[in-house]
Amino acid sequence: MDSDSNWPKDSETGEELALLASLPGSFWQDAGAKLPNGYCLSIFLKHASGDRKTLRRMAVHEQSQQSKLSAAPIKVLIHHMAQPAISSTHTMPVTPMLEIKLKAPAEEDRDPAMPDRGTTVSKLGGVPGWAQDEINIPGHKYVLQFEELELAKACPAWAGVFGGGNGFLFIKELKGNIESGIFFVQFT
């Protein structure tokens, strides 16, 4: 982000969203995707703090709920990396991403109790660990998931952000580069 004036806000309340993660081009090279040099993909969202209304606005539990994401308090932005990095003057501490171990999926990335679903750990690629129905985003591919318990261990202020569930990132690529992304949560 180039300045605080561009900081994403919740379209319903006008509140600033919290920066969940900022993933630079070098991260995406390791993931088999590309961003131009000097760019990163950042995920911003409203911390639910146990507020079920906020959680429902960010959740997609079945395919028919995708349309509500356009008004969800979540933004995925591709932007120039800030120089210098933006200090955390916003509502939440920035998640120390080096503490979140995005695991490459195991050879058998399936939940033994539910073989149609992946494991629920924070991971890059693999099979999504759906808490509800499997979701397909037309024109996008699934690339990573965050497990709330792992986020909360790294940064306790993030406890409750996904209602005890997982967050999923899907990206859209154009001419070999990441063009956009969609992030949503699922919980039980």
C-alpha atoms as a PDB file:
ATOM      1  CA  MET A   1       0.000   0.000   0.000  1.00  0.00           C
ATOM      2  CA  ASP A   2       1.363   3.385  -0.917  1.00  0.00           C
ATOM      3  CA  SER A   3      -0.435   5.422   1.737  1.00  0.00           C
ATOM      4  CA  ASP A   4      -2.864   5.124   4.596  1.00  0.00           C
ATOM      5  CA  SER A   5      -5.478   6.997   2.526  1.00  0.00           C
ATOM      6  CA  ASN A   6      -5.825   3.879   0.361  1.00  0.00           C
ATOM      7  CA  TRP A   7      -6.316   1.545   3.319  1.00  0.00           C
ATOM      8  CA  PRO A   8      -9.264  -0.828   2.594  1.00  0.00           C
ATOM      9  CA  LYS A   9     -12.481  -0.275   4.503  1.00  0.00           C
ATOM     10  CA  ASP A  10     -15.621  -2.273   5.222  1.00  0.00           C
ATOM     11  CA  SER A  11     -18.175  -1.060   2.669  1.00  0.00           C
ATOM     12  CA  GLU A  12     -21.013  -1.445   5.205  1.00  0.00           C
ATOM     13  CA  THR A  13     -19.491   0.284   8.252  1.00  0.00           C
ATOM     14  CA  GLY A  14     -16.602   2.346   6.857  1.00  0.00           C
ATOM     15  CA  GLU A  15     -14.223   0.764   9.398  1.00  0.00           C
ATOM     16  CA  GLU A  16     -10.662   0.024   8.335  1.00  0.00           C
ATOM     17  CA  LEU A  17      -9.961  -3.625   7.616  1.00  0.00           C
ATOM     18  CA  ALA A  18      -7.054  -5.410   9.289  1.00  0.00           C
ATOM     19  CA  LEU A  19      -4.105  -6.699   7.283  1.00  0.00           C
ATOM     20  CA  LEU A  20      -4.121 -10.482   7.630  1.00  0.00           C
ATOM     21  CA  ALA A  21      -1.246 -11.249   5.281  1.00  0.00           C
ATOM     22  CA  SER A  22       0.969  -9.616   2.688  1.00  0.00           C
ATOM     23  CA  LEU A  23       2.567 -12.161   0.368  1.00  0.00           C
ATOM     24  CA  PRO A  24       5.366 -10.849  -1.917  1.00  0.00           C
ATOM     25  CA  GLY A  25       6.323 -12.039  -5.387  1.00  0.00           C
ATOM     26  CA  SER A  26       9.034 -14.343  -3.979  1.00  0.00           C
ATOM     27  CA  PHE A  27       6.356 -16.241  -2.024  1.00  0.00           C
ATOM     28  CA  TRP A  28       4.299 -16.794  -5.161  1.00  0.00           C
ATOM     29  CA  GLN A  29       7.266 -18.069  -7.174  1.00  0.00           C
ATOM     30  CA  ASP A  30       7.579 -20.860  -4.617  1.00  0.00           C
ATOM     31  CA  ALA A  31       3.852 -21.513  -5.031  1.00  0.00           C
ATOM     32  CA  GLY A  32       4.014 -21.855  -8.820  1.00  0.00           C
ATOM     33  CA  ALA A  33       2.333 -18.487  -9.512  1.00  0.00           C
ATOM     34  CA  LYS A  34       3.764 -15.086 -10.421  1.00  0.00           C
ATOM     35  CA  LEU A  35       3.511 -11.464  -9.412  1.00  0.00           C
ATOM     36  CA  PRO A  36       5.575  -8.747 -11.092  1.00  0.00           C
ATOM     37  CA  ASN A  37       8.705  -7.600  -9.218  1.00  0.00           C
ATOM     38  CA  GLY A  38       7.928  -5.121  -6.466  1.00  0.00           C
ATOM     39  CA  TYR A  39       4.318  -6.301  -6.038  1.00  0.00           C
ATOM     40  CA  CYS A  40       2.576  -8.320  -3.375  1.00  0.00           C
ATOM     41  CA  LEU A  41      -0.851  -9.787  -2.723  1.00  0.00           C
ATOM     42  CA  SER A  42      -2.401  -8.645   0.548  1.00  0.00           C
ATOM     43  CA  ILE A  43      -5.467  -9.972   2.343  1.00  0.00           C
ATOM     44  CA  PHE A  44      -7.450  -7.503   4.454  1.00  0.00           C
ATOM     45  CA  LEU A  45     -10.489  -8.369   6.548  1.00  0.00           C
ATOM     46  CA  LYS A  46     -12.619  -7.319   9.455  1.00  0.00           C
ATOM     47  CA  HIS A  47     -11.755  -9.227  12.609  1.00  0.00           C
ATOM     48  CA  ALA A  48     -15.006 -10.841  13.693  1.00  0.00           C
ATOM     49  CA  SER A  49     -14.082 -10.956  17.409  1.00  0.00           C
ATOM     50  CA  GLY A  50     -16.898 -13.453  17.929  1.00  0.00           C
ATOM     51  CA  ASP A  51     -19.454 -11.290  16.099  1.00  0.00           C
ATOM     52  CA  ARG A  52     -21.576 -13.842  14.217  1.00  0.00           C
ATOM     53  CA  LYS A  53     -22.966 -11.221  11.811  1.00  0.00           C
ATOM     54  CA  THR A  54     -19.455 -10.320  10.645  1.00  0.00           C
ATOM     55  CA  LEU A  55     -18.517 -13.992  10.360  1.00  0.00           C
ATOM     56  CA  ARG A  56     -21.596 -14.709   8.236  1.00  0.00           C
ATOM     57  CA  ARG A  57     -20.720 -11.799   5.922  1.00  0.00           C
ATOM     58  CA  MET A  58     -17.271 -13.376   5.300  1.00  0.00           C
ATOM     59  CA  ALA A  59     -18.403 -17.007   5.076  1.00  0.00           C
ATOM     60  CA  VAL A  60     -19.236 -19.078   2.030  1.00  0.00           C
ATOM     61  CA  HIS A  61     -20.641 -22.390   3.226  1.00  0.00           C
ATOM     62  CA  GLU A  62     -22.369 -23.382  -0.007  1.00  0.00           C
ATOM     63  CA  GLN A  63     -21.965 -22.518  -3.684  1.00  0.00           C
ATOM     64  CA  SER A  64     -25.076 -20.282  -3.754  1.00  0.00           C
ATOM     65  CA  GLN A  65     -23.490 -17.875  -1.225  1.00  0.00           C
ATOM     66  CA  GLN A  66     -20.643 -16.716  -3.500  1.00  0.00           C
ATOM     67  CA  SER A  67     -22.435 -13.572  -4.641  1.00  0.00           C
ATOM     68  CA  LYS A  68     -22.369 -12.063  -1.150  1.00  0.00           C
ATOM     69  CA  LEU A  69     -18.563 -11.844  -1.270  1.00  0.00           C
ATOM     70  CA  SER A  70     -18.757  -8.614  -3.275  1.00  0.00           C
ATOM     71  CA  ALA A  71     -20.014  -6.848  -0.114  1.00  0.00           C
ATOM     72  CA  ALA A  72     -18.008  -8.910   2.406  1.00  0.00           C
ATOM     73  CA  PRO A  73     -15.597  -7.129   4.747  1.00  0.00           C
ATOM     74  CA  ILE A  74     -12.674  -8.800   2.946  1.00  0.00           C
ATOM     75  CA  LYS A  75     -10.407  -7.358   0.272  1.00  0.00           C
ATOM     76  CA  VAL A  76      -7.625  -9.066  -1.671  1.00  0.00           C
ATOM     77  CA  LEU A  77      -5.390  -6.478  -3.292  1.00  0.00           C
ATOM     78  CA  ILE A  78      -2.402  -6.706  -5.591  1.00  0.00           C
ATOM     79  CA  HIS A  79      -0.269  -3.629  -5.100  1.00  0.00           C
ATOM     80  CA  HIS A  80       3.214  -2.151  -5.104  1.00  0.00           C
ATOM     81  CA  MET A  81       5.104  -3.088  -1.989  1.00  0.00           C
ATOM     82  CA  ALA A  82       5.141  -0.122   0.373  1.00  0.00           C
ATOM     83  CA  GLN A  83       8.481   1.612   0.805  1.00  0.00           C
ATOM     84  CA  PRO A  84       9.057   1.698   3.711  1.00  0.00           C
ATOM     85  CA  ALA A  85       6.696  -0.959   5.003  1.00  0.00           C
ATOM     86  CA  ILE A  86       3.569   0.521   6.547  1.00  0.00           C
ATOM     87  CA  SER A  87       3.691   0.566  10.311  1.00  0.00           C
ATOM     88  CA  SER A  88       0.828  -1.071  12.113  1.00  0.00           C
ATOM     89  CA  THR A  89      -1.253   2.007  12.939  1.00  0.00           C
ATOM     90  CA  HIS A  90      -4.441   0.151  12.142  1.00  0.00           C
ATOM     91  CA  THR A  91      -6.771  -1.872  14.315  1.00  0.00           C
ATOM     92  CA  MET A  92      -4.909  -5.195  14.484  1.00  0.00           C
ATOM     93  CA  PRO A  93      -1.285  -6.257  14.735  1.00  0.00           C
ATOM     94  CA  VAL A  94       0.061  -7.598  11.458  1.00  0.00           C
ATOM     95  CA  THR A  95       0.247 -11.374  11.479  1.00  0.00           C
ATOM     96  CA  PRO A  96       3.871 -12.474  11.733  1.00  0.00           C
ATOM     97  CA  MET A  97       3.753 -14.592   8.578  1.00  0.00           C
ATOM     98  CA  LEU A  98       7.123 -16.173   9.276  1.00  0.00           C
ATOM     99  CA  GLU A  99       5.436 -17.846  12.246  1.00  0.00           C
ATOM    100  CA  ILE A 100       2.747 -19.426  10.080  1.00  0.00           C
ATOM    101  CA  LYS A 101       4.205 -22.539   8.574  1.00  0.00           C
ATOM    102  CA  LEU A 102       2.395 -22.954   5.282  1.00  0.00           C
ATOM    103  CA  LYS A 103       3.029 -26.622   4.769  1.00  0.00           C
ATOM    104  CA  ALA A 104       3.313 -28.153   1.365  1.00  0.00           C
ATOM    105  CA  PRO A 105       0.505 -30.687   1.223  1.00  0.00           C
ATOM    106  CA  ALA A 106       1.385 -34.217   2.180  1.00  0.00           C
ATOM    107  CA  GLU A 107       1.346 -36.794  -0.568  1.00  0.00           C
ATOM    108  CA  GLU A 108      -1.994 -37.936   0.803  1.00  0.00           C
ATOM    109  CA  ASP A 109      -3.622 -34.641   1.740  1.00  0.00           C
ATOM    110  CA  ARG A 110      -6.977 -36.070   2.805  1.00  0.00           C
ATOM    111  CA  ASP A 111      -8.761 -36.065   6.118  1.00  0.00           C
ATOM    112  CA  PRO A 112      -8.967 -39.779   7.071  1.00  0.00           C
ATOM    113  CA  ALA A 113     -12.389 -39.231   8.659  1.00  0.00           C
ATOM    114  CA  MET A 114     -13.735 -37.415   5.552  1.00  0.00           C
ATOM    115  CA  PRO A 115     -11.837 -38.622   2.446  1.00  0.00           C
ATOM    116  CA  ASP A 116     -13.551 -36.075   0.154  1.00  0.00           C
ATOM    117  CA  ARG A 117     -11.842 -33.244   2.076  1.00  0.00           C
ATOM    118  CA  GLY A 118      -8.288 -32.142   2.665  1.00  0.00           C
ATOM    119  CA  THR A 119      -6.557 -31.679   5.978  1.00  0.00           C
ATOM    120  CA  THR A 120      -7.376 -28.485   7.881  1.00  0.00           C
ATOM    121  CA  VAL A 121      -3.832 -27.227   8.541  1.00  0.00           C
ATOM    122  CA  SER A 122      -2.491 -23.949   7.142  1.00  0.00           C
ATOM    123  CA  LYS A 123      -1.054 -24.967   3.793  1.00  0.00           C
ATOM    124  CA  LEU A 124      -0.115 -23.963   0.311  1.00  0.00           C
ATOM    125  CA  GLY A 125      -2.003 -25.910  -2.338  1.00  0.00           C
ATOM    126  CA  GLY A 126      -3.258 -29.422  -1.857  1.00  0.00           C
ATOM    127  CA  VAL A 127      -6.877 -30.286  -1.171  1.00  0.00           C
ATOM    128  CA  PRO A 128      -8.920 -27.653   0.716  1.00  0.00           C
ATOM    129  CA  GLY A 129     -10.000 -28.706   4.205  1.00  0.00           C
ATOM    130  CA  TRP A 130     -13.617 -27.640   3.809  1.00  0.00           C
ATOM    131  CA  ALA A 131     -15.634 -27.131   6.990  1.00  0.00           C
ATOM    132  CA  GLN A 132     -18.841 -27.051   4.934  1.00  0.00           C
ATOM    133  CA  ASP A 133     -19.572 -27.615   1.223  1.00  0.00           C
ATOM    134  CA  GLU A 134     -16.813 -27.634  -1.382  1.00  0.00           C
ATOM    135  CA  ILE A 135     -16.692 -24.266  -3.153  1.00  0.00           C
ATOM    136  CA  ASN A 136     -15.587 -23.649  -6.741  1.00  0.00           C
ATOM    137  CA  ILE A 137     -14.913 -20.067  -7.815  1.00  0.00           C
ATOM    138  CA  PRO A 138     -15.332 -19.792 -11.611  1.00  0.00           C
ATOM    139  CA  GLY A 139     -12.123 -18.652 -13.320  1.00  0.00           C
ATOM    140  CA  HIS A 140     -10.096 -18.953 -10.101  1.00  0.00           C
ATOM    141  CA  LYS A 141      -7.939 -21.659  -8.557  1.00  0.00           C
ATOM    142  CA  TYR A 142      -7.496 -22.546  -4.914  1.00  0.00           C
ATOM    143  CA  VAL A 143      -3.966 -21.761  -3.673  1.00  0.00           C
ATOM    144  CA  LEU A 144      -3.845 -21.691   0.130  1.00  0.00           C
ATOM    145  CA  GLN A 145      -5.700 -21.967   3.403  1.00  0.00           C
ATOM    146  CA  PHE A 146      -5.071 -20.553   6.855  1.00  0.00           C
ATOM    147  CA  GLU A 147      -6.178 -22.406   9.967  1.00  0.00           C
ATOM    148  CA  GLU A 148      -7.327 -20.065  12.724  1.00  0.00           C
ATOM    149  CA  LEU A 149      -5.644 -22.003  15.552  1.00  0.00           C
ATOM    150  CA  GLU A 150      -2.248 -21.576  13.888  1.00  0.00           C
ATOM    151  CA  LEU A 151      -2.860 -17.853  13.363  1.00  0.00           C
ATOM    152  CA  ALA A 152      -3.850 -17.445  17.007  1.00  0.00           C
ATOM    153  CA  LYS A 153      -0.691 -19.246  18.189  1.00  0.00           C
ATOM    154  CA  ALA A 154       1.488 -16.869  16.152  1.00  0.00           C
ATOM    155  CA  CYS A 155      -0.507 -13.769  17.086  1.00  0.00           C
ATOM    156  CA  PRO A 156      -3.114 -14.191  19.876  1.00  0.00           C
ATOM    157  CA  ALA A 157      -4.996 -11.057  18.751  1.00  0.00           C
ATOM    158  CA  TRP A 158      -6.194 -13.048  15.722  1.00  0.00           C
ATOM    159  CA  ALA A 159      -8.077 -15.652  17.805  1.00  0.00           C
ATOM    160  CA  GLY A 160     -11.681 -15.856  16.594  1.00  0.00           C
ATOM    161  CA  VAL A 161     -11.018 -14.288  13.191  1.00  0.00           C
ATOM    162  CA  PHE A 162     -12.492 -17.255  11.273  1.00  0.00           C
ATOM    163  CA  GLY A 163     -15.019 -18.372  13.896  1.00  0.00           C
ATOM    164  CA  GLY A 164     -12.827 -21.375  14.714  1.00  0.00           C
ATOM    165  CA  GLY A 165     -12.569 -22.394  11.055  1.00  0.00           C
ATOM    166  CA  ASN A 166     -10.348 -21.797   8.045  1.00  0.00           C
ATOM    167  CA  GLY A 167      -9.755 -19.052   5.514  1.00  0.00           C
ATOM    168  CA  PHE A 168      -9.324 -19.919   1.821  1.00  0.00           C
ATOM    169  CA  LEU A 169      -7.584 -17.948  -0.942  1.00  0.00           C
ATOM    170  CA  PHE A 170      -8.393 -18.407  -4.624  1.00  0.00           C
ATOM    171  CA  ILE A 171      -6.506 -16.529  -7.357  1.00  0.00           C
ATOM    172  CA  LYS A 172      -7.229 -15.613 -10.950  1.00  0.00           C
ATOM    173  CA  GLU A 173      -4.305 -15.576 -13.357  1.00  0.00           C
ATOM    174  CA  LEU A 174      -3.961 -13.641 -16.588  1.00  0.00           C
ATOM    175  CA  LYS A 175      -1.039 -14.170 -18.970  1.00  0.00           C
ATOM    176  CA  GLY A 176       0.867 -16.072 -16.289  1.00  0.00           C
ATOM    177  CA  ASN A 177       0.520 -13.398 -13.563  1.00  0.00           C
ATOM    178  CA  ILE A 178      -1.858 -13.247 -10.621  1.00  0.00           C
ATOM    179  CA  GLU A 179      -4.542 -10.754 -11.577  1.00  0.00           C
ATOM    180  CA  SER A 180      -6.872 -10.916  -8.567  1.00  0.00           C
ATOM    181  CA  GLY A 181      -7.883 -12.971  -5.568  1.00  0.00           C
ATOM    182  CA  ILE A 182     -10.884 -13.984  -3.501  1.00  0.00           C
ATOM    183  CA  PHE A 183     -10.729 -14.881   0.182  1.00  0.00           C
ATOM    184  CA  PHE A 184     -13.513 -16.300   2.345  1.00  0.00           C
ATOM    185  CA  VAL A 185     -13.972 -18.327   5.514  1.00  0.00           C
ATOM    186  CA  GLN A 186     -15.773 -21.487   6.531  1.00  0.00           C
ATOM    187  CA  PHE A 187     -16.588 -22.615  10.059  1.00  0.00           C
ATOM    188  CA  THR A 188     -18.887 -25.127  11.721  1.00  0.00           C
END
